[in-house]
Amino acid sequence: MAMDLFEMARNLEMEGKSVYEHGIKLNKSENIKKILQMLLKVEETHFDLFIEIQKNKKPGPIKHVDFKLARQVFAVLKNEKFSNEQVKCFEKMLTTEKRSEDYYNENANGNATILEIAKEEHRHFVLIKEMMDLLKKTKDYRESEDFKKFDNY
């Protein structure tokens, strides 16, 4: 039996919640945890919104990620390091967010709330990608020959 839109949407949101919970457990950095906890809370509200939409209730407001908080956290992430397991977890987050965004865009049937949730999933994708890129750049620099020269001083 094929899943309906709402069942699939709730499953996608639960998958997002699960991957963020895993990321929170993997990360020792309180800065990274702040961002992941924010994303986790937004996924939980999306889950609730899909229940409201399915019950033909007027859905509440869509909670958005706080990019102001993200920028503040990004400013202090320069010395963070990712393990291979953390990188894989963040890649899973990207995959999950992209899959959710695509599914909602393809199946919204003009529903403005679902389309707005799809946009929010895209914001999550961008936020995670930017964080990964920032951490990769600082890691690459720390591994560069220019940076290693400082070991001699």
N, C-alpha and C. Protein backbone atom coordinates (compact mmCIF):
# COMPACT_ATOMS: atom_id res chain seq x y z
N MET A 1 0.84 -1.17 0.00
CA MET A 1 0.00 0.00 0.00
C MET A 1 0.89 1.24 0.00
N ALA A 2 0.63 2.14 -0.90
CA ALA A 2 1.43 3.36 -1.02
C ALA A 2 1.10 4.32 0.12
N MET A 3 2.11 5.03 0.56
CA MET A 3 1.92 6.03 1.61
C MET A 3 1.26 7.27 1.03
N ASP A 4 0.43 7.90 1.83
CA ASP A 4 -0.12 9.17 1.37
C ASP A 4 0.87 10.28 1.69
N LEU A 5 0.60 11.44 1.17
CA LEU A 5 1.48 12.60 1.34
C LEU A 5 1.80 12.85 2.80
N PHE A 6 0.80 12.83 3.65
CA PHE A 6 1.00 13.20 5.04
C PHE A 6 1.80 12.15 5.82
N GLU A 7 1.54 10.90 5.52
CA GLU A 7 2.31 9.84 6.17
C GLU A 7 3.77 9.93 5.75
N MET A 8 4.01 10.12 4.46
CA MET A 8 5.38 10.26 3.96
C MET A 8 6.05 11.49 4.56
N ALA A 9 5.33 12.60 4.63
CA ALA A 9 5.88 13.84 5.19
C ALA A 9 6.26 13.64 6.67
N ARG A 10 5.39 13.00 7.42
CA ARG A 10 5.71 12.75 8.83
C ARG A 10 6.93 11.83 8.95
N ASN A 11 7.03 10.84 8.08
CA ASN A 11 8.20 9.96 8.09
C ASN A 11 9.48 10.74 7.77
N LEU A 12 9.40 11.64 6.80
CA LEU A 12 10.57 12.45 6.45
C LEU A 12 10.97 13.35 7.62
N GLU A 13 10.00 13.94 8.28
CA GLU A 13 10.30 14.81 9.42
C GLU A 13 10.88 14.00 10.58
N MET A 14 10.38 12.79 10.79
CA MET A 14 10.94 11.93 11.85
C MET A 14 12.37 11.52 11.51
N GLU A 15 12.62 11.27 10.23
CA GLU A 15 13.98 10.94 9.81
C GLU A 15 14.90 12.13 10.06
N GLY A 16 14.43 13.33 9.74
CA GLY A 16 15.21 14.54 10.01
C GLY A 16 15.49 14.69 11.49
N LYS A 17 14.47 14.49 12.30
CA LYS A 17 14.63 14.58 13.75
C LYS A 17 15.67 13.57 14.23
N SER A 18 15.59 12.37 13.74
CA SER A 18 16.50 11.30 14.14
C SER A 18 17.95 11.63 13.77
N VAL A 19 18.16 12.13 12.58
CA VAL A 19 19.53 12.42 12.15
C VAL A 19 20.10 13.60 12.96
N TYR A 20 19.26 14.57 13.32
CA TYR A 20 19.75 15.67 14.16
C TYR A 20 20.05 15.19 15.58
N GLU A 21 19.22 14.31 16.11
CA GLU A 21 19.49 13.74 17.43
C GLU A 21 20.82 13.00 17.43
N HIS A 22 21.07 12.25 16.37
CA HIS A 22 22.34 11.52 16.24
C HIS A 22 23.50 12.51 16.16
N GLY A 23 23.34 13.57 15.39
CA GLY A 23 24.38 14.59 15.27
C GLY A 23 24.67 15.26 16.60
N ILE A 24 23.64 15.51 17.38
CA ILE A 24 23.83 16.13 18.70
C ILE A 24 24.64 15.21 19.59
N LYS A 25 24.36 13.91 19.55
CA LYS A 25 25.11 12.94 20.36
C LYS A 25 26.56 12.85 19.92
N LEU A 26 26.82 12.95 18.62
CA LEU A 26 28.18 12.82 18.09
C LEU A 26 29.07 14.02 18.38
N ASN A 27 28.48 15.18 18.48
CA ASN A 27 29.25 16.42 18.59
C ASN A 27 29.47 16.83 20.03
N LYS A 28 30.72 17.09 20.34
CA LYS A 28 31.07 17.58 21.66
C LYS A 28 30.94 19.10 21.72
N SER A 29 31.01 19.74 20.58
CA SER A 29 30.97 21.19 20.50
C SER A 29 29.59 21.73 20.85
N GLU A 30 29.53 22.56 21.86
CA GLU A 30 28.26 23.20 22.24
C GLU A 30 27.77 24.11 21.12
N ASN A 31 28.70 24.68 20.35
CA ASN A 31 28.32 25.56 19.24
C ASN A 31 27.58 24.81 18.16
N ILE A 32 28.11 23.67 17.78
CA ILE A 32 27.45 22.85 16.75
C ILE A 32 26.13 22.31 17.29
N LYS A 33 26.13 21.91 18.55
CA LYS A 33 24.89 21.41 19.16
C LYS A 33 23.78 22.44 19.12
N LYS A 34 24.12 23.73 19.33
CA LYS A 34 23.10 24.79 19.29
C LYS A 34 22.39 24.79 17.94
N ILE A 35 23.16 24.69 16.87
CA ILE A 35 22.56 24.71 15.54
C ILE A 35 21.72 23.45 15.32
N LEU A 36 22.25 22.30 15.70
CA LEU A 36 21.52 21.05 15.50
C LEU A 36 20.25 21.01 16.33
N GLN A 37 20.29 21.55 17.55
CA GLN A 37 19.09 21.58 18.39
C GLN A 37 18.03 22.50 17.78
N MET A 38 18.47 23.61 17.21
CA MET A 38 17.54 24.52 16.55
C MET A 38 16.87 23.80 15.37
N LEU A 39 17.66 23.10 14.57
CA LEU A 39 17.11 22.38 13.42
C LEU A 39 16.16 21.26 13.88
N LEU A 40 16.51 20.58 14.94
CA LEU A 40 15.68 19.52 15.50
C LEU A 40 14.31 20.07 15.90
N LYS A 41 14.29 21.21 16.57
CA LYS A 41 13.01 21.80 17.00
C LYS A 41 12.15 22.18 15.80
N VAL A 42 12.79 22.68 14.76
CA VAL A 42 12.03 23.05 13.56
C VAL A 42 11.43 21.80 12.91
N GLU A 43 12.18 20.71 12.86
CA GLU A 43 11.65 19.46 12.30
C GLU A 43 10.43 18.99 13.10
N GLU A 44 10.49 19.13 14.41
CA GLU A 44 9.35 18.73 15.25
C GLU A 44 8.12 19.56 14.93
N THR A 45 8.31 20.86 14.69
CA THR A 45 7.14 21.69 14.36
C THR A 45 6.59 21.34 12.98
N HIS A 46 7.46 20.96 12.05
CA HIS A 46 6.98 20.54 10.73
C HIS A 46 6.11 19.30 10.87
N PHE A 47 6.54 18.36 11.69
CA PHE A 47 5.76 17.14 11.92
C PHE A 47 4.35 17.52 12.38
N ASP A 48 4.27 18.42 13.36
CA ASP A 48 2.97 18.85 13.89
C ASP A 48 2.15 19.58 12.82
N LEU A 49 2.80 20.37 11.99
CA LEU A 49 2.08 21.08 10.93
C LEU A 49 1.42 20.11 9.96
N PHE A 50 2.12 19.03 9.62
CA PHE A 50 1.54 18.06 8.69
C PHE A 50 0.32 17.37 9.30
N ILE A 51 0.34 17.17 10.60
CA ILE A 51 -0.85 16.60 11.27
C ILE A 51 -2.02 17.58 11.16
N GLU A 52 -1.74 18.86 11.42
CA GLU A 52 -2.80 19.89 11.33
C GLU A 52 -3.36 19.99 9.91
N ILE A 53 -2.47 19.98 8.92
CA ILE A 53 -2.93 20.08 7.53
C ILE A 53 -3.80 18.88 7.18
N GLN A 54 -3.37 17.70 7.58
CA GLN A 54 -4.12 16.48 7.27
C GLN A 54 -5.51 16.52 7.91
N LYS A 55 -5.62 17.11 9.08
CA LYS A 55 -6.91 17.20 9.77
C LYS A 55 -7.73 18.39 9.29
N ASN A 56 -7.27 19.03 8.22
CA ASN A 56 -7.93 20.21 7.65
C ASN A 56 -8.06 21.35 8.65
N LYS A 57 -7.12 21.41 9.58
CA LYS A 57 -7.08 22.52 10.52
C LYS A 57 -6.19 23.62 9.92
N LYS A 58 -6.42 24.83 10.35
CA LYS A 58 -5.55 25.92 9.91
C LYS A 58 -4.21 25.73 10.63
N PRO A 59 -3.15 25.50 9.85
CA PRO A 59 -1.86 25.24 10.50
C PRO A 59 -1.30 26.49 11.17
N GLY A 60 -0.57 26.25 12.24
CA GLY A 60 0.10 27.35 12.93
C GLY A 60 1.24 27.89 12.08
N PRO A 61 1.94 28.86 12.61
CA PRO A 61 3.04 29.45 11.85
C PRO A 61 4.19 28.47 11.67
N ILE A 62 4.87 28.62 10.58
CA ILE A 62 6.03 27.78 10.30
C ILE A 62 7.23 28.37 11.02
N LYS A 63 7.85 27.55 11.83
CA LYS A 63 9.04 28.00 12.55
C LYS A 63 10.23 27.95 11.58
N HIS A 64 11.01 29.01 11.59
CA HIS A 64 12.17 29.10 10.70
C HIS A 64 13.46 28.98 11.49
N VAL A 65 14.51 28.53 10.79
CA VAL A 65 15.82 28.52 11.42
C VAL A 65 16.25 29.96 11.65
N ASP A 66 17.00 30.16 12.69
CA ASP A 66 17.47 31.49 13.07
C ASP A 66 18.87 31.70 12.48
N PHE A 67 18.92 32.34 11.32
CA PHE A 67 20.22 32.53 10.68
C PHE A 67 21.08 33.53 11.45
N LYS A 68 20.47 34.39 12.24
CA LYS A 68 21.26 35.31 13.08
C LYS A 68 22.05 34.49 14.10
N LEU A 69 21.38 33.54 14.74
CA LEU A 69 22.07 32.64 15.68
C LEU A 69 23.14 31.84 14.95
N ALA A 70 22.81 31.35 13.78
CA ALA A 70 23.78 30.55 13.01
C ALA A 70 25.03 31.37 12.71
N ARG A 71 24.87 32.63 12.30
CA ARG A 71 26.03 33.47 12.01
C ARG A 71 26.88 33.67 13.25
N GLN A 72 26.24 33.86 14.40
CA GLN A 72 26.99 34.03 15.65
C GLN A 72 27.79 32.76 15.97
N VAL A 73 27.17 31.62 15.75
CA VAL A 73 27.84 30.34 16.02
C VAL A 73 28.97 30.13 15.02
N PHE A 74 28.71 30.43 13.75
CA PHE A 74 29.73 30.26 12.72
C PHE A 74 30.98 31.06 13.05
N ALA A 75 30.81 32.21 13.65
CA ALA A 75 31.94 33.08 13.96
C ALA A 75 32.94 32.42 14.91
N VAL A 76 32.48 31.46 15.69
CA VAL A 76 33.38 30.81 16.66
C VAL A 76 33.67 29.35 16.32
N LEU A 77 33.31 28.92 15.14
CA LEU A 77 33.52 27.51 14.77
C LEU A 77 34.92 27.22 14.23
N LYS A 78 35.74 28.19 14.10
CA LYS A 78 37.00 28.02 13.39
C LYS A 78 37.90 26.92 13.93
N ASN A 79 37.80 26.60 15.20
CA ASN A 79 38.70 25.60 15.77
C ASN A 79 38.04 24.24 15.97
N GLU A 80 36.86 24.08 15.42
CA GLU A 80 36.16 22.81 15.55
C GLU A 80 36.74 21.78 14.58
N LYS A 81 36.68 20.54 14.97
CA LYS A 81 37.14 19.46 14.09
C LYS A 81 36.03 18.43 13.98
N PHE A 82 35.92 17.83 12.80
CA PHE A 82 34.92 16.79 12.56
C PHE A 82 35.61 15.45 12.40
N SER A 83 35.04 14.43 13.02
CA SER A 83 35.49 13.06 12.77
C SER A 83 34.83 12.58 11.48
N ASN A 84 35.30 11.47 10.96
CA ASN A 84 34.68 10.90 9.76
C ASN A 84 33.22 10.55 10.02
N GLU A 85 32.92 10.07 11.22
CA GLU A 85 31.54 9.72 11.57
C GLU A 85 30.66 10.98 11.58
N GLN A 86 31.19 12.09 12.06
CA GLN A 86 30.43 13.33 12.06
C GLN A 86 30.19 13.82 10.64
N VAL A 87 31.20 13.71 9.80
CA VAL A 87 31.05 14.12 8.40
C VAL A 87 29.95 13.30 7.74
N LYS A 88 29.95 11.99 7.96
CA LYS A 88 28.91 11.13 7.40
C LYS A 88 27.53 11.52 7.92
N CYS A 89 27.45 11.88 9.18
CA CYS A 89 26.18 12.30 9.76
C CYS A 89 25.69 13.59 9.10
N PHE A 90 26.60 14.54 8.90
CA PHE A 90 26.21 15.79 8.25
C PHE A 90 25.81 15.55 6.80
N GLU A 91 26.48 14.63 6.13
CA GLU A 91 26.08 14.28 4.75
C GLU A 91 24.68 13.68 4.74
N LYS A 92 24.38 12.88 5.75
CA LYS A 92 23.03 12.29 5.87
C LYS A 92 22.00 13.40 6.10
N MET A 93 22.37 14.41 6.90
CA MET A 93 21.47 15.55 7.11
C MET A 93 21.17 16.24 5.79
N LEU A 94 22.21 16.45 4.99
CA LEU A 94 22.02 17.10 3.69
C LEU A 94 21.09 16.28 2.80
N THR A 95 21.32 14.99 2.75
CA THR A 95 20.50 14.10 1.93
C THR A 95 19.04 14.12 2.39
N THR A 96 18.85 14.07 3.69
CA THR A 96 17.50 14.06 4.25
C THR A 96 16.76 15.36 3.94
N GLU A 97 17.44 16.48 4.14
CA GLU A 97 16.80 17.78 3.87
C GLU A 97 16.47 17.94 2.38
N LYS A 98 17.38 17.52 1.52
CA LYS A 98 17.15 17.64 0.08
C LYS A 98 15.99 16.75 -0.34
N ARG A 99 15.95 15.55 0.18
CA ARG A 99 14.87 14.63 -0.16
C ARG A 99 13.52 15.18 0.30
N SER A 100 13.49 15.76 1.51
CA SER A 100 12.25 16.36 2.02
C SER A 100 11.82 17.52 1.14
N GLU A 101 12.76 18.42 0.86
CA GLU A 101 12.45 19.58 0.02
C GLU A 101 11.87 19.15 -1.32
N ASP A 102 12.53 18.20 -1.98
CA ASP A 102 12.06 17.73 -3.29
C ASP A 102 10.68 17.09 -3.19
N TYR A 103 10.48 16.25 -2.18
CA TYR A 103 9.20 15.57 -2.03
C TYR A 103 8.07 16.58 -1.83
N TYR A 104 8.29 17.56 -0.97
CA TYR A 104 7.24 18.55 -0.70
C TYR A 104 6.94 19.39 -1.94
N ASN A 105 7.98 19.80 -2.64
CA ASN A 105 7.77 20.58 -3.87
C ASN A 105 7.00 19.78 -4.92
N GLU A 106 7.31 18.49 -5.04
CA GLU A 106 6.67 17.65 -6.06
C GLU A 106 5.24 17.25 -5.69
N ASN A 107 4.90 17.28 -4.40
CA ASN A 107 3.61 16.75 -3.97
C ASN A 107 2.71 17.75 -3.26
N ALA A 108 3.08 19.02 -3.27
CA ALA A 108 2.31 20.03 -2.53
C ALA A 108 0.95 20.31 -3.14
N ASN A 109 0.80 20.07 -4.44
CA ASN A 109 -0.47 20.35 -5.13
C ASN A 109 -0.96 21.77 -4.85
N GLY A 110 -0.03 22.71 -4.83
CA GLY A 110 -0.40 24.10 -4.63
C GLY A 110 -0.64 24.52 -3.19
N ASN A 111 -0.50 23.61 -2.24
CA ASN A 111 -0.71 23.94 -0.83
C ASN A 111 0.42 24.87 -0.37
N ALA A 112 0.05 26.11 -0.03
CA ALA A 112 1.03 27.14 0.33
C ALA A 112 1.86 26.76 1.55
N THR A 113 1.24 26.11 2.52
CA THR A 113 1.97 25.73 3.73
C THR A 113 3.03 24.68 3.42
N ILE A 114 2.66 23.70 2.62
CA ILE A 114 3.62 22.65 2.26
C ILE A 114 4.76 23.24 1.43
N LEU A 115 4.43 24.15 0.53
CA LEU A 115 5.48 24.81 -0.26
C LEU A 115 6.40 25.65 0.63
N GLU A 116 5.86 26.27 1.66
CA GLU A 116 6.69 27.04 2.60
C GLU A 116 7.58 26.11 3.41
N ILE A 117 7.07 24.94 3.78
CA ILE A 117 7.89 23.96 4.49
C ILE A 117 9.02 23.50 3.57
N ALA A 118 8.73 23.32 2.29
CA ALA A 118 9.79 22.94 1.34
C ALA A 118 10.89 24.00 1.30
N LYS A 119 10.49 25.27 1.31
CA LYS A 119 11.49 26.35 1.33
C LYS A 119 12.32 26.30 2.62
N GLU A 120 11.66 25.98 3.71
CA GLU A 120 12.38 25.90 4.99
C GLU A 120 13.36 24.73 4.97
N GLU A 121 12.96 23.61 4.36
CA GLU A 121 13.89 22.49 4.25
C GLU A 121 15.12 22.90 3.43
N HIS A 122 14.90 23.73 2.42
CA HIS A 122 16.03 24.23 1.63
C HIS A 122 16.94 25.10 2.50
N ARG A 123 16.36 25.91 3.37
CA ARG A 123 17.17 26.72 4.29
C ARG A 123 18.01 25.84 5.19
N HIS A 124 17.45 24.73 5.65
CA HIS A 124 18.20 23.79 6.48
C HIS A 124 19.40 23.25 5.70
N PHE A 125 19.13 22.86 4.45
CA PHE A 125 20.19 22.34 3.59
C PHE A 125 21.32 23.36 3.46
N VAL A 126 20.96 24.60 3.18
CA VAL A 126 21.96 25.66 3.00
C VAL A 126 22.76 25.85 4.29
N LEU A 127 22.09 25.88 5.41
CA LEU A 127 22.76 26.08 6.69
C LEU A 127 23.77 24.96 6.98
N ILE A 128 23.35 23.74 6.79
CA ILE A 128 24.25 22.60 7.04
C ILE A 128 25.43 22.62 6.07
N LYS A 129 25.14 22.88 4.81
CA LYS A 129 26.20 22.93 3.79
C LYS A 129 27.21 24.02 4.12
N GLU A 130 26.73 25.19 4.51
CA GLU A 130 27.64 26.29 4.86
C GLU A 130 28.50 25.92 6.07
N MET A 131 27.91 25.28 7.06
CA MET A 131 28.67 24.88 8.23
C MET A 131 29.73 23.86 7.86
N MET A 132 29.37 22.89 7.03
CA MET A 132 30.35 21.89 6.59
C MET A 132 31.47 22.55 5.79
N ASP A 133 31.12 23.47 4.89
CA ASP A 133 32.13 24.15 4.09
C ASP A 133 33.07 24.96 4.97
N LEU A 134 32.53 25.65 5.95
CA LEU A 134 33.36 26.44 6.86
C LEU A 134 34.32 25.55 7.62
N LEU A 135 33.83 24.45 8.15
CA LEU A 135 34.67 23.55 8.92
C LEU A 135 35.71 22.88 8.03
N LYS A 136 35.33 22.56 6.80
CA LYS A 136 36.29 21.95 5.88
C LYS A 136 37.40 22.93 5.54
N LYS A 137 37.05 24.19 5.32
CA LYS A 137 38.07 25.20 5.00
C LYS A 137 39.05 25.37 6.14
N THR A 138 38.56 25.43 7.37
CA THR A 138 39.48 25.60 8.49
C THR A 138 40.32 24.35 8.67
N LYS A 139 39.74 23.19 8.44
CA LYS A 139 40.49 21.95 8.55
C LYS A 139 41.57 21.89 7.46
N ASP A 140 41.19 22.24 6.23
CA ASP A 140 42.16 22.22 5.13
C ASP A 140 43.33 23.15 5.42
N TYR A 141 43.02 24.32 5.99
CA TYR A 141 44.08 25.26 6.28
C TYR A 141 44.98 24.70 7.37
N ARG A 142 44.38 24.11 8.41
CA ARG A 142 45.19 23.54 9.49
C ARG A 142 46.08 22.42 8.98
N GLU A 143 45.67 21.74 7.91
CA GLU A 143 46.47 20.65 7.36
C GLU A 143 47.45 21.12 6.29
N SER A 144 47.38 22.40 5.92
CA SER A 144 48.23 22.90 4.84
C SER A 144 49.67 23.08 5.30
N GLU A 145 50.56 23.12 4.34
CA GLU A 145 51.98 23.33 4.63
C GLU A 145 52.20 24.71 5.27
N ASP A 146 51.43 25.71 4.85
CA ASP A 146 51.56 27.04 5.43
C ASP A 146 51.29 27.01 6.93
N PHE A 147 50.26 26.29 7.31
CA PHE A 147 49.91 26.22 8.72
C PHE A 147 50.94 25.41 9.50
N LYS A 148 51.42 24.34 8.92
CA LYS A 148 52.40 23.47 9.61
C LYS A 148 53.71 24.19 9.88
N LYS A 149 54.02 25.21 9.09
CA LYS A 149 55.24 25.98 9.34
C LYS A 149 55.26 26.56 10.76
N PHE A 150 54.10 26.84 11.28
CA PHE A 150 54.04 27.44 12.61
C PHE A 150 54.47 26.47 13.71
N ASP A 151 54.54 25.18 13.41
CA ASP A 151 54.98 24.21 14.39
C ASP A 151 56.43 24.48 14.79
N ASN A 152 57.20 25.12 13.93
CA ASN A 152 58.61 25.36 14.18
C ASN A 152 58.86 26.55 15.09
N TYR A 153 57.85 27.31 15.41
CA TYR A 153 58.05 28.51 16.22
C TYR A 153 57.69 28.31 17.67
